[in-house]
C-alpha atoms as a PDB file:
ATOM      1  CA  UNK A   1      -2.356  23.420  71.131  1.00  0.00           C
ATOM      2  CA  UNK A   2      -2.807  19.696  70.670  1.00  0.00           C
ATOM      3  CA  UNK A   3      -1.941  17.919  73.957  1.00  0.00           C
ATOM      4  CA  UNK A   4      -0.562  14.455  74.586  1.00  0.00           C
ATOM      5  CA  UNK A   5      -4.022  12.966  75.290  1.00  0.00           C
ATOM      6  CA  UNK A   6      -5.141  13.835  71.757  1.00  0.00           C
ATOM      7  CA  UNK A   7      -2.249  11.850  70.320  1.00  0.00           C
ATOM      8  CA  UNK A   8      -3.085   8.885  72.533  1.00  0.00           C
ATOM      9  CA  UNK A   9      -6.716   8.925  71.360  1.00  0.00           C
ATOM     10  CA  UNK A  10      -5.673   9.107  67.704  1.00  0.00           C
ATOM     11  CA  UNK A  11      -3.267   6.209  68.016  1.00  0.00           C
ATOM     12  CA  UNK A  12      -5.825   4.076  69.837  1.00  0.00           C
ATOM     13  CA  UNK A  13      -8.415   4.839  67.136  1.00  0.00           C
ATOM     14  CA  UNK A  14      -6.066   3.701  64.391  1.00  0.00           C
ATOM     15  CA  UNK A  15      -5.304   0.417  66.102  1.00  0.00           C
ATOM     16  CA  UNK A  16      -9.002  -0.171  66.773  1.00  0.00           C
ATOM     17  CA  UNK A  17      -9.776   0.344  63.062  1.00  0.00           C
ATOM     18  CA  UNK A  18      -7.041  -2.094  62.073  1.00  0.00           C
ATOM     19  CA  UNK A  19      -8.294  -4.632  64.557  1.00  0.00           C
ATOM     20  CA  UNK A  20     -11.859  -4.358  63.280  1.00  0.00           C
ATOM     21  CA  UNK A  21     -10.632  -4.750  59.682  1.00  0.00           C
ATOM     22  CA  UNK A  22      -8.611  -7.835  60.535  1.00  0.00           C
ATOM     23  CA  UNK A  23     -11.523  -9.402  62.385  1.00  0.00           C
ATOM     24  CA  UNK A  24     -13.982  -8.740  59.571  1.00  0.00           C
ATOM     25  CA  UNK A  25     -11.517  -9.833  56.875  1.00  0.00           C
ATOM     26  CA  UNK A  26     -10.741 -13.055  58.686  1.00  0.00           C
ATOM     27  CA  UNK A  27     -14.361 -13.651  59.562  1.00  0.00           C
ATOM     28  CA  UNK A  28     -17.669 -12.795  57.881  1.00  0.00           C
ATOM     29  CA  UNK A  29     -16.223 -10.866  54.895  1.00  0.00           C
ATOM     30  CA  UNK A  30     -13.428 -13.282  54.088  1.00  0.00           C
ATOM     31  CA  UNK A  31     -15.569 -15.894  52.413  1.00  0.00           C
ATOM     32  CA  UNK A  32     -17.674 -13.376  50.477  1.00  0.00           C
ATOM     33  CA  UNK A  33     -14.672 -11.453  49.086  1.00  0.00           C
ATOM     34  CA  UNK A  34     -12.801 -14.631  48.269  1.00  0.00           C
ATOM     35  CA  UNK A  35     -15.786 -16.103  46.418  1.00  0.00           C
ATOM     36  CA  UNK A  36     -16.289 -12.940  44.358  1.00  0.00           C
ATOM     37  CA  UNK A  37     -12.631 -12.825  43.352  1.00  0.00           C
ATOM     38  CA  UNK A  38     -12.667 -16.497  42.425  1.00  0.00           C
ATOM     39  CA  UNK A  39     -15.832 -16.065  40.332  1.00  0.00           C
ATOM     40  CA  UNK A  40     -14.391 -13.063  38.523  1.00  0.00           C
ATOM     41  CA  UNK A  41     -11.150 -14.893  37.799  1.00  0.00           C
ATOM     42  CA  UNK A  42     -13.047 -17.904  36.476  1.00  0.00           C
ATOM     43  CA  UNK A  43     -15.180 -15.647  34.257  1.00  0.00           C
ATOM     44  CA  UNK A  44     -12.137 -13.864  32.846  1.00  0.00           C
ATOM     45  CA  UNK A  45     -10.442 -17.167  32.081  1.00  0.00           C
ATOM     46  CA  UNK A  46     -13.548 -18.391  30.259  1.00  0.00           C
ATOM     47  CA  UNK A  47     -13.819 -15.172  28.256  1.00  0.00           C
ATOM     48  CA  UNK A  48     -10.170 -15.502  27.244  1.00  0.00           C
ATOM     49  CA  UNK A  49     -10.758 -19.095  26.155  1.00  0.00           C
ATOM     50  CA  UNK A  50     -13.857 -18.095  24.158  1.00  0.00           C
ATOM     51  CA  UNK A  51     -12.016 -15.249  22.431  1.00  0.00           C
ATOM     52  CA  UNK A  52      -9.122 -17.537  21.571  1.00  0.00           C
ATOM     53  CA  UNK A  53     -11.554 -20.075  20.110  1.00  0.00           C
ATOM     54  CA  UNK A  54     -13.233 -17.362  18.017  1.00  0.00           C
ATOM     55  CA  UNK A  55      -9.876 -16.033  16.819  1.00  0.00           C
ATOM     56  CA  UNK A  56      -8.697 -19.504  15.829  1.00  0.00           C
ATOM     57  CA  UNK A  57     -11.949 -20.080  13.942  1.00  0.00           C
ATOM     58  CA  UNK A  58     -11.585 -16.772  12.107  1.00  0.00           C
ATOM     59  CA  UNK A  59      -7.990 -17.517  11.201  1.00  0.00           C
ATOM     60  CA  UNK A  60      -8.955 -20.949   9.966  1.00  0.00           C
ATOM     61  CA  UNK A  61     -11.708 -19.416   7.863  1.00  0.00           C
ATOM     62  CA  UNK A  62      -9.375 -16.791   6.380  1.00  0.00           C
ATOM     63  CA  UNK A  63      -6.713 -19.406   5.663  1.00  0.00           C
ATOM     64  CA  UNK A  64      -9.323 -21.538   3.958  1.00  0.00           C
ATOM     65  CA  UNK A  65     -10.558 -18.581   1.925  1.00  0.00           C
ATOM     66  CA  UNK A  66      -7.038 -17.616   0.848  1.00  0.00           C
ATOM     67  CA  UNK A  67      -6.200 -21.220  -0.026  1.00  0.00           C
ATOM     68  CA  UNK A  68      -9.312 -21.537  -2.180  1.00  0.00           C
ATOM     69  CA  UNK A  69      -8.713 -18.193  -3.903  1.00  0.00           C
ATOM     70  CA  UNK A  70      -5.082 -19.066  -4.570  1.00  0.00           C
ATOM     71  CA  UNK A  71      -6.228 -22.332  -6.155  1.00  0.00           C
ATOM     72  CA  UNK A  72      -8.882 -20.883  -8.472  1.00  0.00           C
ATOM     73  CA  UNK A  73      -7.264 -17.556  -9.399  1.00  0.00           C
ATOM     74  CA  UNK A  74      -4.738 -18.939 -11.949  1.00  0.00           C
ATOM     75  CA  UNK A  75      -7.593 -20.437 -13.948  1.00  0.00           C
ATOM     76  CA  UNK A  76      -9.588 -17.207 -13.774  1.00  0.00           C
ATOM     77  CA  UNK A  77      -6.796 -14.936 -15.007  1.00  0.00           C
ATOM     78  CA  UNK A  78      -5.005 -17.281 -17.407  1.00  0.00           C
ATOM     79  CA  UNK A  79      -4.473 -15.544 -20.740  1.00  0.00           C
ATOM     80  CA  UNK A  80      -6.208 -12.319 -19.700  1.00  0.00           C
ATOM     81  CA  UNK A  81      -3.070 -10.298 -20.453  1.00  0.00           C
ATOM     82  CA  UNK A  82      -1.647 -12.505 -23.174  1.00  0.00           C
ATOM     83  CA  UNK A  83       0.536 -10.555 -25.577  1.00  0.00           C
ATOM     84  CA  UNK A  84       0.805  -7.546 -23.282  1.00  0.00           C
ATOM     85  CA  UNK A  85       4.105  -6.130 -22.086  1.00  0.00           C
ATOM     86  CA  UNK A  86       3.809  -4.515 -18.660  1.00  0.00           C
ATOM     87  CA  UNK A  87       6.386  -2.356 -16.903  1.00  0.00           C
ATOM     88  CA  UNK A  88       6.489  -2.660 -13.116  1.00  0.00           C
ATOM     89  CA  UNK A  89       7.509   0.551 -11.361  1.00  0.00           C
ATOM     90  CA  UNK A  90       8.415   0.164  -7.695  1.00  0.00           C
ATOM     91  CA  UNK A  91       7.883   3.173  -5.476  1.00  0.00           C
ATOM     92  CA  UNK A  92      10.170   3.982  -2.513  1.00  0.00           C
ATOM     93  CA  UNK A  93       9.240   1.888   0.503  1.00  0.00           C
ATOM     94  CA  UNK A  94       7.267  -0.710  -1.446  1.00  0.00           C
ATOM     95  CA  UNK A  95       7.474  -4.159   0.142  1.00  0.00           C
ATOM     96  CA  UNK A  96       9.544  -6.692  -1.767  1.00  0.00           C
ATOM     97  CA  UNK A  97       6.959  -9.413  -1.229  1.00  0.00           C
ATOM     98  CA  UNK A  98       4.287  -7.208  -2.801  1.00  0.00           C
ATOM     99  CA  UNK A  99       6.515  -6.565  -5.819  1.00  0.00           C
ATOM    100  CA  UNK A 100       7.119 -10.290  -6.192  1.00  0.00           C
ATOM    101  CA  UNK A 101       3.406 -11.122  -5.879  1.00  0.00           C
ATOM    102  CA  UNK A 102       2.460  -8.428  -8.405  1.00  0.00           C
ATOM    103  CA  UNK A 103       4.977  -9.709 -10.927  1.00  0.00           C
ATOM    104  CA  UNK A 104       3.798 -13.294 -10.408  1.00  0.00           C
ATOM    105  CA  UNK A 105       0.143 -12.307 -10.909  1.00  0.00           C
ATOM    106  CA  UNK A 106       0.933 -10.454 -14.137  1.00  0.00           C
ATOM    107  CA  UNK A 107       2.950 -13.387 -15.438  1.00  0.00           C
ATOM    108  CA  UNK A 108       0.184 -15.854 -14.497  1.00  0.00           C
ATOM    109  CA  UNK A 109      -2.194 -13.788 -16.634  1.00  0.00           C
ATOM    110  CA  UNK A 110       0.083 -14.163 -19.652  1.00  0.00           C
ATOM    111  CA  UNK A 111       1.768 -10.769 -19.559  1.00  0.00           C
ATOM    112  CA  UNK A 112       5.458 -10.221 -20.099  1.00  0.00           C
ATOM    113  CA  UNK A 113       7.144  -7.960 -17.573  1.00  0.00           C
ATOM    114  CA  UNK A 114       9.368  -5.875 -19.804  1.00  0.00           C
ATOM    115  CA  UNK A 115      11.214  -4.177 -16.976  1.00  0.00           C
ATOM    116  CA  UNK A 116      11.189  -3.496 -13.274  1.00  0.00           C
ATOM    117  CA  UNK A 117      12.067   0.117 -12.527  1.00  0.00           C
ATOM    118  CA  UNK A 118      12.831   0.849  -8.881  1.00  0.00           C
ATOM    119  CA  UNK A 119      12.610   4.443  -7.725  1.00  0.00           C
ATOM    120  CA  UNK A 120      14.980   5.708  -5.058  1.00  0.00           C
ATOM    121  CA  UNK A 121      14.018   8.003  -2.209  1.00  0.00           C
ATOM    122  CA  UNK A 122      15.448  10.893  -4.232  1.00  0.00           C
ATOM    123  CA  UNK A 123      12.491  10.579  -6.609  1.00  0.00           C
ATOM    124  CA  UNK A 124      10.063  11.719  -3.902  1.00  0.00           C
ATOM    125  CA  UNK A 125      12.298  13.653  -1.483  1.00  0.00           C
ATOM    126  CA  UNK A 126      11.106  17.302  -1.399  1.00  0.00           C
ATOM    127  CA  UNK A 127      14.699  18.402  -0.831  1.00  0.00           C
ATOM    128  CA  UNK A 128      15.609  16.932  -4.249  1.00  0.00           C
ATOM    129  CA  UNK A 129      12.710  18.609  -6.071  1.00  0.00           C
ATOM    130  CA  UNK A 130      14.744  21.282  -7.879  1.00  0.00           C
ATOM    131  CA  UNK A 131      17.404  18.774  -8.896  1.00  0.00           C
ATOM    132  CA  UNK A 132      14.786  16.351 -10.268  1.00  0.00           C
ATOM    133  CA  UNK A 133      13.012  19.001 -12.276  1.00  0.00           C
ATOM    134  CA  UNK A 134      16.210  20.477 -13.731  1.00  0.00           C
ATOM    135  CA  UNK A 135      17.519  17.056 -14.738  1.00  0.00           C
ATOM    136  CA  UNK A 136      14.216  16.136 -16.349  1.00  0.00           C
ATOM    137  CA  UNK A 137      14.179  19.370 -18.321  1.00  0.00           C
ATOM    138  CA  UNK A 138      17.619  18.557 -19.703  1.00  0.00           C
ATOM    139  CA  UNK A 139      16.407  15.100 -20.819  1.00  0.00           C
ATOM    140  CA  UNK A 140      13.071  16.219 -22.269  1.00  0.00           C
ATOM    141  CA  UNK A 141      14.191  16.476 -25.898  1.00  0.00           C
ATOM    142  CA  UNK A 142      15.389  12.858 -25.922  1.00  0.00           C
ATOM    143  CA  UNK A 143      11.853  11.521 -25.469  1.00  0.00           C
ATOM    144  CA  UNK A 144      10.074  14.365 -27.266  1.00  0.00           C
ATOM    145  CA  UNK A 145       8.494  15.569 -24.054  1.00  0.00           C
ATOM    146  CA  UNK A 146       6.624  18.865 -24.275  1.00  0.00           C
ATOM    147  CA  UNK A 147       8.778  21.828 -23.402  1.00  0.00           C
ATOM    148  CA  UNK A 148       6.067  23.296 -21.217  1.00  0.00           C
ATOM    149  CA  UNK A 149       3.943  21.455 -18.676  1.00  0.00           C
ATOM    150  CA  UNK A 150       1.364  22.736 -16.215  1.00  0.00           C
ATOM    151  CA  UNK A 151       3.808  22.119 -13.367  1.00  0.00           C
ATOM    152  CA  UNK A 152       7.593  21.530 -13.382  1.00  0.00           C
ATOM    153  CA  UNK A 153       6.972  18.715 -10.897  1.00  0.00           C
ATOM    154  CA  UNK A 154       5.290  16.724 -13.687  1.00  0.00           C
ATOM    155  CA  UNK A 155       8.420  16.655 -15.863  1.00  0.00           C
ATOM    156  CA  UNK A 156      10.341  13.788 -14.132  1.00  0.00           C
ATOM    157  CA  UNK A 157       7.358  11.450 -14.442  1.00  0.00           C
ATOM    158  CA  UNK A 158       6.824  12.572 -18.028  1.00  0.00           C
ATOM    159  CA  UNK A 159      10.409  11.683 -18.934  1.00  0.00           C
ATOM    160  CA  UNK A 160      10.308   8.298 -17.244  1.00  0.00           C
ATOM    161  CA  UNK A 161       6.929   7.356 -18.698  1.00  0.00           C
ATOM    162  CA  UNK A 162       7.936   8.311 -22.233  1.00  0.00           C
ATOM    163  CA  UNK A 163      11.225   6.435 -21.886  1.00  0.00           C
ATOM    164  CA  UNK A 164       9.833   3.098 -20.682  1.00  0.00           C
ATOM    165  CA  UNK A 165       6.406   2.871 -22.325  1.00  0.00           C
ATOM    166  CA  UNK A 166       5.514   2.236 -25.948  1.00  0.00           C
ATOM    167  CA  UNK A 167       3.968   5.222 -27.662  1.00  0.00           C
ATOM    168  CA  UNK A 168       1.948   5.353 -30.892  1.00  0.00           C
ATOM    169  CA  UNK A 169       5.139   6.353 -32.741  1.00  0.00           C
ATOM    170  CA  UNK A 170       7.137   3.495 -31.224  1.00  0.00           C
ATOM    171  CA  UNK A 171       6.235  -0.196 -31.066  1.00  0.00           C
ATOM    172  CA  UNK A 172       6.497  -2.177 -27.864  1.00  0.00           C
ATOM    173  CA  UNK A 173      10.045  -3.397 -28.228  1.00  0.00           C
ATOM    174  CA  UNK A 174      13.490  -2.686 -26.897  1.00  0.00           C
ATOM    175  CA  UNK A 175      14.084   0.949 -26.143  1.00  0.00           C
ATOM    176  CA  UNK A 176      15.413   3.178 -28.880  1.00  0.00           C
ATOM    177  CA  UNK A 177      18.782   4.839 -28.214  1.00  0.00           C
ATOM    178  CA  UNK A 178      17.250   8.178 -27.225  1.00  0.00           C
ATOM    179  CA  UNK A 179      14.892   6.589 -24.680  1.00  0.00           C
ATOM    180  CA  UNK A 180      17.728   4.494 -23.292  1.00  0.00           C
ATOM    181  CA  UNK A 181      19.810   7.634 -22.931  1.00  0.00           C
ATOM    182  CA  UNK A 182      17.001   9.407 -21.064  1.00  0.00           C
ATOM    183  CA  UNK A 183      16.512   6.437 -18.734  1.00  0.00           C
ATOM    184  CA  UNK A 184      20.241   6.248 -18.075  1.00  0.00           C
ATOM    185  CA  UNK A 185      20.216   9.970 -17.314  1.00  0.00           C
ATOM    186  CA  UNK A 186      17.642   9.385 -14.561  1.00  0.00           C
ATOM    187  CA  UNK A 187      19.723   6.483 -13.302  1.00  0.00           C
ATOM    188  CA  UNK A 188      22.920   8.536 -13.289  1.00  0.00           C
ATOM    189  CA  UNK A 189      21.057  11.143 -11.278  1.00  0.00           C
ATOM    190  CA  UNK A 190      20.427   8.435  -8.648  1.00  0.00           C
ATOM    191  CA  UNK A 191      16.667   8.685  -9.116  1.00  0.00           C
ATOM    192  CA  UNK A 192      16.144   5.044 -10.081  1.00  0.00           C
ATOM    193  CA  UNK A 193      17.565   1.691 -11.058  1.00  0.00           C
ATOM    194  CA  UNK A 194      16.181  -0.871 -13.459  1.00  0.00           C
ATOM    195  CA  UNK A 195      16.412  -4.482 -14.559  1.00  0.00           C
ATOM    196  CA  UNK A 196      17.191  -6.173 -16.864  1.00  0.00           C
ATOM    197  CA  UNK A 197      19.933  -4.184 -18.561  1.00  0.00           C
ATOM    198  CA  UNK A 198      18.135  -4.451 -21.903  1.00  0.00           C
ATOM    199  CA  UNK A 199      14.536  -3.641 -21.098  1.00  0.00           C
ATOM    200  CA  UNK A 200      11.464  -3.944 -23.288  1.00  0.00           C
ATOM    201  CA  UNK A 201       9.155  -0.961 -23.559  1.00  0.00           C
ATOM    202  CA  UNK A 202       5.842  -1.729 -21.882  1.00  0.00           C
ATOM    203  CA  UNK A 203       2.400  -0.956 -23.215  1.00  0.00           C
ATOM    204  CA  UNK A 204       1.112  -0.272 -19.681  1.00  0.00           C
ATOM    205  CA  UNK A 205       2.519   0.173 -16.195  1.00  0.00           C
ATOM    206  CA  UNK A 206       1.805  -1.016 -12.684  1.00  0.00           C
ATOM    207  CA  UNK A 207       3.071   1.261  -9.922  1.00  0.00           C
ATOM    208  CA  UNK A 208       3.685  -0.739  -6.746  1.00  0.00           C
ATOM    209  CA  UNK A 209       3.510   1.481  -3.676  1.00  0.00           C
ATOM    210  CA  UNK A 210       3.949   1.102   0.057  1.00  0.00           C
ATOM    211  CA  UNK A 211       3.754   3.131   3.225  1.00  0.00           C
ATOM    212  CA  UNK A 212       5.091   6.677   2.943  1.00  0.00           C
ATOM    213  CA  UNK A 213       6.610   8.356   5.962  1.00  0.00           C
ATOM    214  CA  UNK A 214       8.224  11.776   5.826  1.00  0.00           C
ATOM    215  CA  UNK A 215       9.782  13.900   8.542  1.00  0.00           C
ATOM    216  CA  UNK A 216       6.554  15.918   8.830  1.00  0.00           C
ATOM    217  CA  UNK A 217       3.013  15.869   7.476  1.00  0.00           C
ATOM    218  CA  UNK A 218       4.021  18.323   4.766  1.00  0.00           C
ATOM    219  CA  UNK A 219       7.010  16.189   3.810  1.00  0.00           C
ATOM    220  CA  UNK A 220       4.854  13.050   3.651  1.00  0.00           C
ATOM    221  CA  UNK A 221       2.239  14.773   1.501  1.00  0.00           C
ATOM    222  CA  UNK A 222       4.916  15.966  -0.918  1.00  0.00           C
ATOM    223  CA  UNK A 223       6.297  12.451  -1.282  1.00  0.00           C
ATOM    224  CA  UNK A 224       2.849  11.021  -1.942  1.00  0.00           C
ATOM    225  CA  UNK A 225       2.091  13.774  -4.456  1.00  0.00           C
ATOM    226  CA  UNK A 226       5.245  12.914  -6.426  1.00  0.00           C
ATOM    227  CA  UNK A 227       4.029   9.339  -6.894  1.00  0.00           C
ATOM    228  CA  UNK A 228       0.532  10.471  -7.887  1.00  0.00           C
ATOM    229  CA  UNK A 229       2.014  12.704 -10.597  1.00  0.00           C
ATOM    230  CA  UNK A 230       4.055   9.759 -11.846  1.00  0.00           C
ATOM    231  CA  UNK A 231       0.956   7.566 -11.993  1.00  0.00           C
ATOM    232  CA  UNK A 232      -0.800  10.139 -14.147  1.00  0.00           C
ATOM    233  CA  UNK A 233       2.204  10.385 -16.477  1.00  0.00           C
ATOM    234  CA  UNK A 234       2.382   6.604 -16.833  1.00  0.00           C
ATOM    235  CA  UNK A 235      -1.291   6.484 -17.762  1.00  0.00           C
ATOM    236  CA  UNK A 236      -0.948   9.249 -20.350  1.00  0.00           C
ATOM    237  CA  UNK A 237       2.102   7.734 -22.047  1.00  0.00           C
ATOM    238  CA  UNK A 238       0.892   4.163 -22.433  1.00  0.00           C
ATOM    239  CA  UNK A 239      -2.274   2.117 -22.660  1.00  0.00           C
ATOM    240  CA  UNK A 240      -3.098   2.534 -18.986  1.00  0.00           C
ATOM    241  CA  UNK A 241      -1.723   2.608 -15.474  1.00  0.00           C
ATOM    242  CA  UNK A 242      -2.588   0.772 -12.289  1.00  0.00           C
ATOM    243  CA  UNK A 243      -1.484   1.713  -8.773  1.00  0.00           C
ATOM    244  CA  UNK A 244      -1.416  -1.102  -6.219  1.00  0.00           C
ATOM    245  CA  UNK A 245      -0.752  -1.054  -2.505  1.00  0.00           C
ATOM    246  CA  UNK A 246      -0.857  -3.299   0.567  1.00  0.00           C
ATOM    247  CA  UNK A 247      -3.936  -3.959   2.674  1.00  0.00           C
ATOM    248  CA  UNK A 248      -4.465  -2.294   6.051  1.00  0.00           C
ATOM    249  CA  UNK A 249      -2.463  -4.402   8.530  1.00  0.00           C
ATOM    250  CA  UNK A 250      -3.951  -2.597  11.522  1.00  0.00           C
ATOM    251  CA  UNK A 251      -7.277  -4.333  11.016  1.00  0.00           C
ATOM    252  CA  UNK A 252      -8.943  -1.175   9.721  1.00  0.00           C
ATOM    253  CA  UNK A 253     -10.262  -0.367   6.264  1.00  0.00           C
ATOM    254  CA  UNK A 254      -7.889   2.396   5.141  1.00  0.00           C
ATOM    255  CA  UNK A 255      -6.009   2.219   1.865  1.00  0.00           C
ATOM    256  CA  UNK A 256      -2.270   2.887   1.713  1.00  0.00           C
ATOM    257  CA  UNK A 257      -1.172   6.532   1.230  1.00  0.00           C
ATOM    258  CA  UNK A 258      -0.552   6.659  -2.524  1.00  0.00           C
ATOM    259  CA  UNK A 259      -3.638   4.589  -3.354  1.00  0.00           C
ATOM    260  CA  UNK A 260      -5.743   6.855  -1.131  1.00  0.00           C
ATOM    261  CA  UNK A 261      -4.242   9.963  -2.740  1.00  0.00           C
ATOM    262  CA  UNK A 262      -5.019   8.761  -6.267  1.00  0.00           C
ATOM    263  CA  UNK A 263      -8.612   8.086  -5.243  1.00  0.00           C
ATOM    264  CA  UNK A 264      -8.926  11.486  -3.602  1.00  0.00           C
ATOM    265  CA  UNK A 265      -7.507  13.293  -6.647  1.00  0.00           C
ATOM    266  CA  UNK A 266     -10.385  14.079  -9.004  1.00  0.00           C
ATOM    267  CA  UNK A 267      -8.074  14.182 -12.039  1.00  0.00           C
ATOM    268  CA  UNK A 268      -6.029  11.083 -11.242  1.00  0.00           C
ATOM    269  CA  UNK A 269      -9.012   8.909 -10.274  1.00  0.00           C
ATOM    270  CA  UNK A 270     -10.618   9.520 -13.662  1.00  0.00           C
ATOM    271  CA  UNK A 271      -7.780   7.797 -15.511  1.00  0.00           C
ATOM    272  CA  UNK A 272      -5.685   5.722 -13.077  1.00  0.00           C
ATOM    273  CA  UNK A 273      -7.032   2.514 -11.542  1.00  0.00           C
ATOM    274  CA  UNK A 274      -6.111   1.274  -8.055  1.00  0.00           C
ATOM    275  CA  UNK A 275      -6.151  -1.963  -6.054  1.00  0.00           C
ATOM    276  CA  UNK A 276      -5.670  -1.589  -2.292  1.00  0.00           C
ATOM    277  CA  UNK A 277      -5.267  -5.252  -1.295  1.00  0.00           C
ATOM    278  CA  UNK A 278      -2.706  -6.438  -3.829  1.00  0.00           C
ATOM    279  CA  UNK A 279      -0.759  -8.278  -1.125  1.00  0.00           C
ATOM    280  CA  UNK A 280      -3.680 -10.649  -0.467  1.00  0.00           C
ATOM    281  CA  UNK A 281      -4.760 -13.614  -2.612  1.00  0.00           C
ATOM    282  CA  UNK A 282      -8.124 -11.855  -2.834  1.00  0.00           C
ATOM    283  CA  UNK A 283      -6.458  -8.985  -4.698  1.00  0.00           C
ATOM    284  CA  UNK A 284      -4.782 -11.065  -7.410  1.00  0.00           C
ATOM    285  CA  UNK A 285      -7.708 -11.365  -9.821  1.00  0.00           C
ATOM    286  CA  UNK A 286      -8.837  -7.725  -9.371  1.00  0.00           C
ATOM    287  CA  UNK A 287      -5.278  -6.610 -10.128  1.00  0.00           C
ATOM    288  CA  UNK A 288      -5.315  -8.445 -13.445  1.00  0.00           C
ATOM    289  CA  UNK A 289      -8.863  -7.443 -14.349  1.00  0.00           C
ATOM    290  CA  UNK A 290      -8.208  -3.800 -13.461  1.00  0.00           C
ATOM    291  CA  UNK A 291      -5.330  -3.765 -15.936  1.00  0.00           C
ATOM    292  CA  UNK A 292      -7.459  -5.490 -18.582  1.00  0.00           C
ATOM    293  CA  UNK A 293     -10.044  -2.781 -17.976  1.00  0.00           C
ATOM    294  CA  UNK A 294      -7.382  -0.111 -18.460  1.00  0.00           C
ATOM    295  CA  UNK A 295      -6.479  -1.565 -21.872  1.00  0.00           C
ATOM    296  CA  UNK A 296     -10.170  -1.361 -22.769  1.00  0.00           C
ATOM    297  CA  UNK A 297     -10.278   2.315 -21.805  1.00  0.00           C
ATOM    298  CA  UNK A 298     -11.933   1.844 -18.413  1.00  0.00           C
ATOM    299  CA  UNK A 299     -10.933   2.825 -14.896  1.00  0.00           C
ATOM    300  CA  UNK A 300     -11.881   1.763 -11.379  1.00  0.00           C
ATOM    301  CA  UNK A 301     -10.910   1.798  -7.699  1.00  0.00           C
ATOM    302  CA  UNK A 302     -10.943  -1.694  -6.219  1.00  0.00           C
ATOM    303  CA  UNK A 303     -10.239  -3.546  -2.976  1.00  0.00           C
ATOM    304  CA  UNK A 304     -11.410  -3.853   0.606  1.00  0.00           C
ATOM    305  CA  UNK A 305     -10.717  -0.323   1.840  1.00  0.00           C
ATOM    306  CA  UNK A 306     -13.512   2.108   2.624  1.00  0.00           C
ATOM    307  CA  UNK A 307     -12.618   4.354  -0.335  1.00  0.00           C
ATOM    308  CA  UNK A 308     -12.768   1.521  -2.889  1.00  0.00           C
ATOM    309  CA  UNK A 309     -15.750   1.446  -5.229  1.00  0.00           C
ATOM    310  CA  UNK A 310     -15.900  -2.346  -5.469  1.00  0.00           C
ATOM    311  CA  UNK A 311     -13.905  -5.435  -4.513  1.00  0.00           C
ATOM    312  CA  UNK A 312     -12.990  -5.929  -8.149  1.00  0.00           C
ATOM    313  CA  UNK A 313     -14.114  -5.091 -11.680  1.00  0.00           C
ATOM    314  CA  UNK A 314     -16.445  -7.227 -13.681  1.00  0.00           C
ATOM    315  CA  UNK A 315     -14.540  -9.196 -16.267  1.00  0.00           C
ATOM    316  CA  UNK A 316     -14.200  -7.175 -19.455  1.00  0.00           C
ATOM    317  CA  UNK A 317     -13.497  -8.361 -22.962  1.00  0.00           C
ATOM    318  CA  UNK A 318      -9.846  -8.407 -23.925  1.00  0.00           C
END
């Protein structure tokens, strides 16, 4: 049993330790500890200042680069798409600023944007899959779509592509009544909207995509797959298709989901071109040249992401 003397010794020992600590802290160790803390604080402040200076320099350099590119790009792309009518298809979740920049870049190159078709979430929602496919099947005859396709999931994109793009049997002009009826059927089904009311059939299409976020990984993959199928249909029905997406805002080198999926799909990547930095001034000229390349029968994957093949295509003859 621990007696009272043991408690006294323990208490005395504690107070002795505190006293020694106070004496050392106020005496020989005080100056040394204080100096080390001061030196470390000074070093950290200097490192912060250096990093801020480097960041400001990098930002200034990037701003200068973007300013220069924005100045020279109009001259580089002027007339490259003259006489072409391009349909802009906006995927669910695509950023409005990216849509605006894409349209401006196409117009600067001399193209006419015949229509802007905006897809709703119902176009990619897995829960709406059966509804989409059934509706598309009902509209197939209007645009002379094949009665049988390798997958029912391809039918909605087939209908839309045939409705809005000029085919060999139809010149690039205002939609014929049957195509208009098919497009209105997709609109009535709440799968899309479009502008203007009287659209011009395009000879090619640019699919503007954004970030895709489903309720699960499987849901997200299904949504991305729906846009990839559409891209393939747009390419097959016109003179080419281009999928564009935003650059990686996290500072990494990943392409956006739909762009990455097209590149990873061995069938899609053989026919559909992509640009992964279409929101940057650096992506403006590649966007135009990639579409020019599509008209010439070529294909490529361009941008700054790790899965791109090059920053941009070499200029090709119109």
